[in-house]
């Protein structure tokens, strides 16, 4: 009984500059990789060719198609001629190879003598995985730092709440909607109306009306990671009204053992 050979994708890329300076053609890469894949016992599933494309990022048509096919497990290995054919960005290279590992796709680079299906190759995958985790943590730290700095400077972070609109990443007061927000606060404070009825009256859920009444954005504040700073946007509710609503809400929640 004939055993089916595993399938491999071959990715080849050459920029216009490569062809002019080095005669580094796609056909030459393809022939070398087809022979190498066959020698290692693979059958070629598809040739992915990006011609005249830079490797500064992964936004190349055939590269994106190959990664989609990899996620769908259409083949079990990717063969490339050299690492810089895949990407010149070390970050992109590390994160992508780590993702291929998650999909159980082997990665083979002919010129760099990298073959992740072997014992030494698996060790390389583990090293790459460690670098990938480090890079993801660094990205997370940079993102968090940027958001914290923006909050400290009074910039707004998430979507605009009722009463405001977001223009060029800045909160701008909506005259009509901000008046409705004031009316909600005043009606809750000065009338014996339940949160449920108030919510229905304003096309909100009960939890939504609670969040609205507790939202310090209406005081001109910006909150991030449990820290509040003075925002760059105008306040809709004055502090006295906000505190009175806060106290009434607290009493209602305490009496009903909710909130």
Protein backbone atom coordinates (compact mmCIF):
# COMPACT_ATOMS: atom_id res chain seq x y z
CA UNK A 1 0.00 0.00 0.00
CA UNK A 2 1.46 3.36 -1.09
CA UNK A 3 1.78 5.92 1.70
CA UNK A 4 0.74 9.46 0.78
CA UNK A 5 3.60 11.91 1.09
CA UNK A 6 3.11 15.05 3.23
CA UNK A 7 2.27 18.24 1.37
CA UNK A 8 4.51 21.29 1.32
CA UNK A 9 4.02 24.91 0.30
CA UNK A 10 6.87 26.66 -1.48
CA UNK A 11 7.16 30.40 -0.99
CA UNK A 12 9.38 32.45 -3.27
CA UNK A 13 9.86 36.20 -3.38
CA UNK A 14 12.13 38.47 -5.30
CA UNK A 15 12.19 42.26 -5.49
CA UNK A 16 12.91 44.17 -8.68
CA UNK A 17 16.20 45.31 -7.14
CA UNK A 18 17.24 41.72 -6.38
CA UNK A 19 16.67 40.69 -9.97
CA UNK A 20 18.65 43.65 -11.36
CA UNK A 21 21.60 43.44 -8.95
CA UNK A 22 21.92 39.71 -8.36
CA UNK A 23 19.89 37.93 -11.03
CA UNK A 24 18.08 36.30 -8.12
CA UNK A 25 15.14 34.94 -10.11
CA UNK A 26 11.95 33.28 -8.94
CA UNK A 27 12.52 30.34 -11.26
CA UNK A 28 15.92 29.62 -9.73
CA UNK A 29 14.46 29.65 -6.23
CA UNK A 30 11.54 27.48 -7.28
CA UNK A 31 13.69 24.80 -8.89
CA UNK A 32 16.00 24.55 -5.86
CA UNK A 33 13.10 24.34 -3.43
CA UNK A 34 11.15 21.77 -5.45
CA UNK A 35 14.21 19.52 -5.52
CA UNK A 36 14.85 20.04 -1.79
CA UNK A 37 11.22 19.34 -0.81
CA UNK A 38 11.26 16.16 -2.92
CA UNK A 39 14.53 15.03 -1.32
CA UNK A 40 12.96 15.42 2.13
CA UNK A 41 9.95 13.34 1.09
CA UNK A 42 7.37 16.07 0.48
CA UNK A 43 4.95 16.56 -2.37
CA UNK A 44 4.52 20.18 -3.45
CA UNK A 45 1.00 21.43 -2.75
CA UNK A 46 1.39 24.90 -4.28
CA UNK A 47 3.98 27.48 -5.32
CA UNK A 48 3.33 30.92 -3.82
CA UNK A 49 5.14 33.61 -5.85
CA UNK A 50 5.49 37.28 -4.85
CA UNK A 51 7.35 39.00 -7.66
CA UNK A 52 8.67 42.53 -7.35
CA UNK A 53 7.58 42.72 -3.69
CA UNK A 54 9.53 44.14 -0.76
CA UNK A 55 10.01 42.13 2.44
CA UNK A 56 9.65 45.08 4.82
CA UNK A 57 6.38 43.56 6.05
CA UNK A 58 4.08 40.59 5.37
CA UNK A 59 1.51 42.54 3.35
CA UNK A 60 2.10 40.61 0.13
CA UNK A 61 -0.75 38.89 -1.75
CA UNK A 62 0.80 35.42 -2.02
CA UNK A 63 2.24 35.56 1.49
CA UNK A 64 -1.20 36.34 2.94
CA UNK A 65 -2.82 33.58 0.87
CA UNK A 66 -0.21 31.08 2.03
CA UNK A 67 -0.73 31.97 5.70
CA UNK A 68 -4.51 31.58 5.27
CA UNK A 69 -3.96 28.15 3.70
CA UNK A 70 -1.55 27.24 6.51
CA UNK A 71 -4.18 28.05 9.12
CA UNK A 72 -6.61 25.78 7.24
CA UNK A 73 -3.98 22.96 7.36
CA UNK A 74 -3.85 22.58 3.56
CA UNK A 75 -0.19 21.54 3.86
CA UNK A 76 2.20 20.50 6.61
CA UNK A 77 5.38 22.46 5.79
CA UNK A 78 6.56 25.71 4.24
CA UNK A 79 9.79 25.78 2.23
CA UNK A 80 11.65 29.04 1.58
CA UNK A 81 14.98 29.73 -0.12
CA UNK A 82 16.35 32.09 2.52
CA UNK A 83 14.98 33.86 5.59
CA UNK A 84 15.16 37.29 3.98
CA UNK A 85 12.90 35.98 1.19
CA UNK A 86 10.23 35.48 3.87
CA UNK A 87 10.71 38.74 5.79
CA UNK A 88 13.41 41.30 6.57
CA UNK A 89 11.60 42.15 9.80
CA UNK A 90 12.92 40.01 12.66
CA UNK A 91 9.75 40.67 14.66
CA UNK A 92 7.48 39.52 11.81
CA UNK A 93 9.66 36.48 11.20
CA UNK A 94 9.66 35.37 14.83
CA UNK A 95 5.94 35.93 15.40
CA UNK A 96 4.96 34.21 12.14
CA UNK A 97 7.14 31.14 12.70
CA UNK A 98 5.73 30.91 16.22
CA UNK A 99 2.20 31.01 14.76
CA UNK A 100 3.13 28.25 12.30
CA UNK A 101 4.21 26.16 15.26
CA UNK A 102 0.74 26.59 16.79
CA UNK A 103 -0.72 25.31 13.51
CA UNK A 104 1.75 22.38 13.44
CA UNK A 105 3.29 23.64 10.19
CA UNK A 106 7.01 22.88 9.74
CA UNK A 107 9.28 25.63 8.44
CA UNK A 108 12.28 24.94 6.18
CA UNK A 109 14.85 27.46 4.94
CA UNK A 110 17.23 25.99 2.35
CA UNK A 111 20.14 28.43 2.49
CA UNK A 112 19.97 28.93 6.28
CA UNK A 113 19.95 25.17 6.98
CA UNK A 114 16.81 25.51 9.11
CA UNK A 115 14.52 22.51 9.22
CA UNK A 116 12.11 22.57 12.15
CA UNK A 117 10.86 18.99 11.75
CA UNK A 118 14.13 17.60 13.17
CA UNK A 119 15.17 17.47 16.85
CA UNK A 120 17.45 20.47 16.43
CA UNK A 121 14.71 22.21 14.46
CA UNK A 122 12.20 21.65 17.28
CA UNK A 123 14.70 23.24 19.66
CA UNK A 124 14.87 26.25 17.33
CA UNK A 125 11.07 26.44 17.40
CA UNK A 126 11.18 26.59 21.20
CA UNK A 127 13.78 29.37 21.10
CA UNK A 128 11.73 31.29 18.54
CA UNK A 129 8.63 30.76 20.71
CA UNK A 130 10.43 32.33 23.68
CA UNK A 131 11.43 35.35 21.58
CA UNK A 132 7.88 35.61 20.22
CA UNK A 133 6.41 35.65 23.74
CA UNK A 134 8.94 38.32 24.71
CA UNK A 135 7.99 40.42 21.67
CA UNK A 136 4.25 40.09 22.40
CA UNK A 137 4.85 41.20 25.99
CA UNK A 138 6.88 44.15 24.75
CA UNK A 139 4.07 45.14 22.38
CA UNK A 140 1.59 44.87 25.26
CA UNK A 141 3.79 46.99 27.52
CA UNK A 142 4.24 49.66 24.83
CA UNK A 143 0.50 49.75 24.18
CA UNK A 144 -0.31 50.04 27.88
CA UNK A 145 2.33 52.75 28.35
CA UNK A 146 0.90 54.73 25.44
CA UNK A 147 -2.64 54.47 26.80
CA UNK A 148 -1.55 55.45 30.31
CA UNK A 149 0.34 58.46 28.95
CA UNK A 150 -2.64 59.49 26.86
CA UNK A 151 -4.92 59.23 29.91
CA UNK A 152 -2.53 61.27 32.06
CA UNK A 153 -2.47 63.97 29.41
CA UNK A 154 -6.26 64.06 29.44
CA UNK A 155 -6.81 62.23 26.17
CA UNK A 156 -9.77 59.92 25.85
CA UNK A 157 -9.23 56.21 25.21
CA UNK A 158 -12.42 54.31 24.40
CA UNK A 159 -15.59 55.15 22.49
CA UNK A 160 -17.62 58.26 23.25
CA UNK A 161 -20.39 57.86 25.86
CA UNK A 162 -23.88 59.28 25.42
CA UNK A 163 -23.69 63.08 25.30
CA UNK A 164 -20.40 63.23 23.43
CA UNK A 165 -19.10 62.44 19.96
CA UNK A 166 -15.55 61.56 18.99
CA UNK A 167 -13.91 63.96 16.52
CA UNK A 168 -10.22 63.49 15.64
CA UNK A 169 -9.81 61.33 18.76
CA UNK A 170 -11.17 64.13 20.95
CA UNK A 171 -14.43 64.14 22.92
CA UNK A 172 -16.74 66.90 21.75
CA UNK A 173 -19.98 67.68 23.57
CA UNK A 174 -23.15 66.95 21.59
CA UNK A 175 -25.54 69.77 22.52
CA UNK A 176 -28.78 67.81 22.18
CA UNK A 177 -27.51 64.53 23.65
CA UNK A 178 -25.69 66.23 26.53
CA UNK A 179 -28.96 67.90 27.53
CA UNK A 180 -30.62 64.47 27.62
CA UNK A 181 -27.84 63.21 29.91
CA UNK A 182 -28.45 66.11 32.32
CA UNK A 183 -32.18 65.35 32.28
CA UNK A 184 -31.52 61.70 33.14
CA UNK A 185 -29.40 62.69 36.15
CA UNK A 186 -31.95 65.25 37.34
CA UNK A 187 -34.93 62.95 36.85
CA UNK A 188 -33.26 60.16 38.79
CA UNK A 189 -32.36 62.51 41.64
CA UNK A 190 -35.60 64.47 41.90
CA UNK A 191 -38.24 61.83 41.11
CA UNK A 192 -39.27 58.54 42.60
CA UNK A 193 -38.54 56.55 39.45
CA UNK A 194 -36.99 53.11 39.33
CA UNK A 195 -33.81 52.42 37.44
CA UNK A 196 -35.70 49.98 35.21
CA UNK A 197 -38.33 52.56 34.22
CA UNK A 198 -35.68 55.24 33.71
CA UNK A 199 -33.71 52.85 31.52
CA UNK A 200 -36.72 51.92 29.37
CA UNK A 201 -37.67 55.56 29.00
CA UNK A 202 -34.22 56.28 27.52
CA UNK A 203 -33.85 53.09 25.46
CA UNK A 204 -31.18 51.69 27.76
CA UNK A 205 -30.81 48.55 29.83
CA UNK A 206 -30.90 48.74 33.62
CA UNK A 207 -27.17 48.04 33.80
CA UNK A 208 -26.66 50.66 31.07
CA UNK A 209 -28.44 53.37 33.06
CA UNK A 210 -26.39 52.47 36.15
CA UNK A 211 -23.17 52.85 34.19
CA UNK A 212 -24.34 56.16 32.80
CA UNK A 213 -25.13 57.53 36.27
CA UNK A 214 -21.71 56.40 37.54
CA UNK A 215 -19.66 57.55 34.57
CA UNK A 216 -17.09 60.12 35.72
CA UNK A 217 -16.48 61.11 32.10
CA UNK A 218 -19.46 63.44 32.63
CA UNK A 219 -17.37 65.26 35.25
CA UNK A 220 -14.67 65.90 32.65
CA UNK A 221 -12.55 63.02 33.94
CA UNK A 222 -10.60 60.31 32.12
CA UNK A 223 -10.24 56.90 33.77
CA UNK A 224 -7.68 54.24 32.92
CA UNK A 225 -6.43 51.30 35.01
CA UNK A 226 -8.37 52.55 38.06
CA UNK A 227 -6.67 55.95 37.86
CA UNK A 228 -8.52 59.16 37.08
CA UNK A 229 -7.11 62.34 35.60
CA UNK A 230 -8.63 65.59 34.40
CA UNK A 231 -9.63 65.23 30.77
CA UNK A 232 -9.42 67.66 27.88
CA UNK A 233 -13.17 67.43 27.24
CA UNK A 234 -15.89 69.60 28.84
CA UNK A 235 -17.97 68.29 31.74
CA UNK A 236 -21.69 67.70 31.24
CA UNK A 237 -22.61 67.21 34.92
CA UNK A 238 -21.44 69.40 37.80
CA UNK A 239 -19.82 67.71 40.79
CA UNK A 240 -22.65 68.46 43.24
CA UNK A 241 -25.30 66.81 41.05
CA UNK A 242 -23.04 63.85 40.34
CA UNK A 243 -22.34 63.26 44.05
CA UNK A 244 -26.04 63.53 44.97
CA UNK A 245 -26.94 60.96 42.30
CA UNK A 246 -24.10 58.76 43.50
CA UNK A 247 -25.44 58.79 47.07
CA UNK A 248 -29.01 58.03 46.01
CA UNK A 249 -27.82 55.22 43.76
CA UNK A 250 -25.78 53.78 46.61
CA UNK A 251 -28.82 53.75 48.91
CA UNK A 252 -30.99 52.04 46.31
CA UNK A 253 -28.35 49.42 45.61
CA UNK A 254 -27.83 48.81 49.34
CA UNK A 255 -31.54 48.42 50.05
CA UNK A 256 -31.99 45.96 47.17
CA UNK A 257 -28.62 44.26 47.78
CA UNK A 258 -27.68 44.86 44.13
CA UNK A 259 -25.30 47.00 42.00
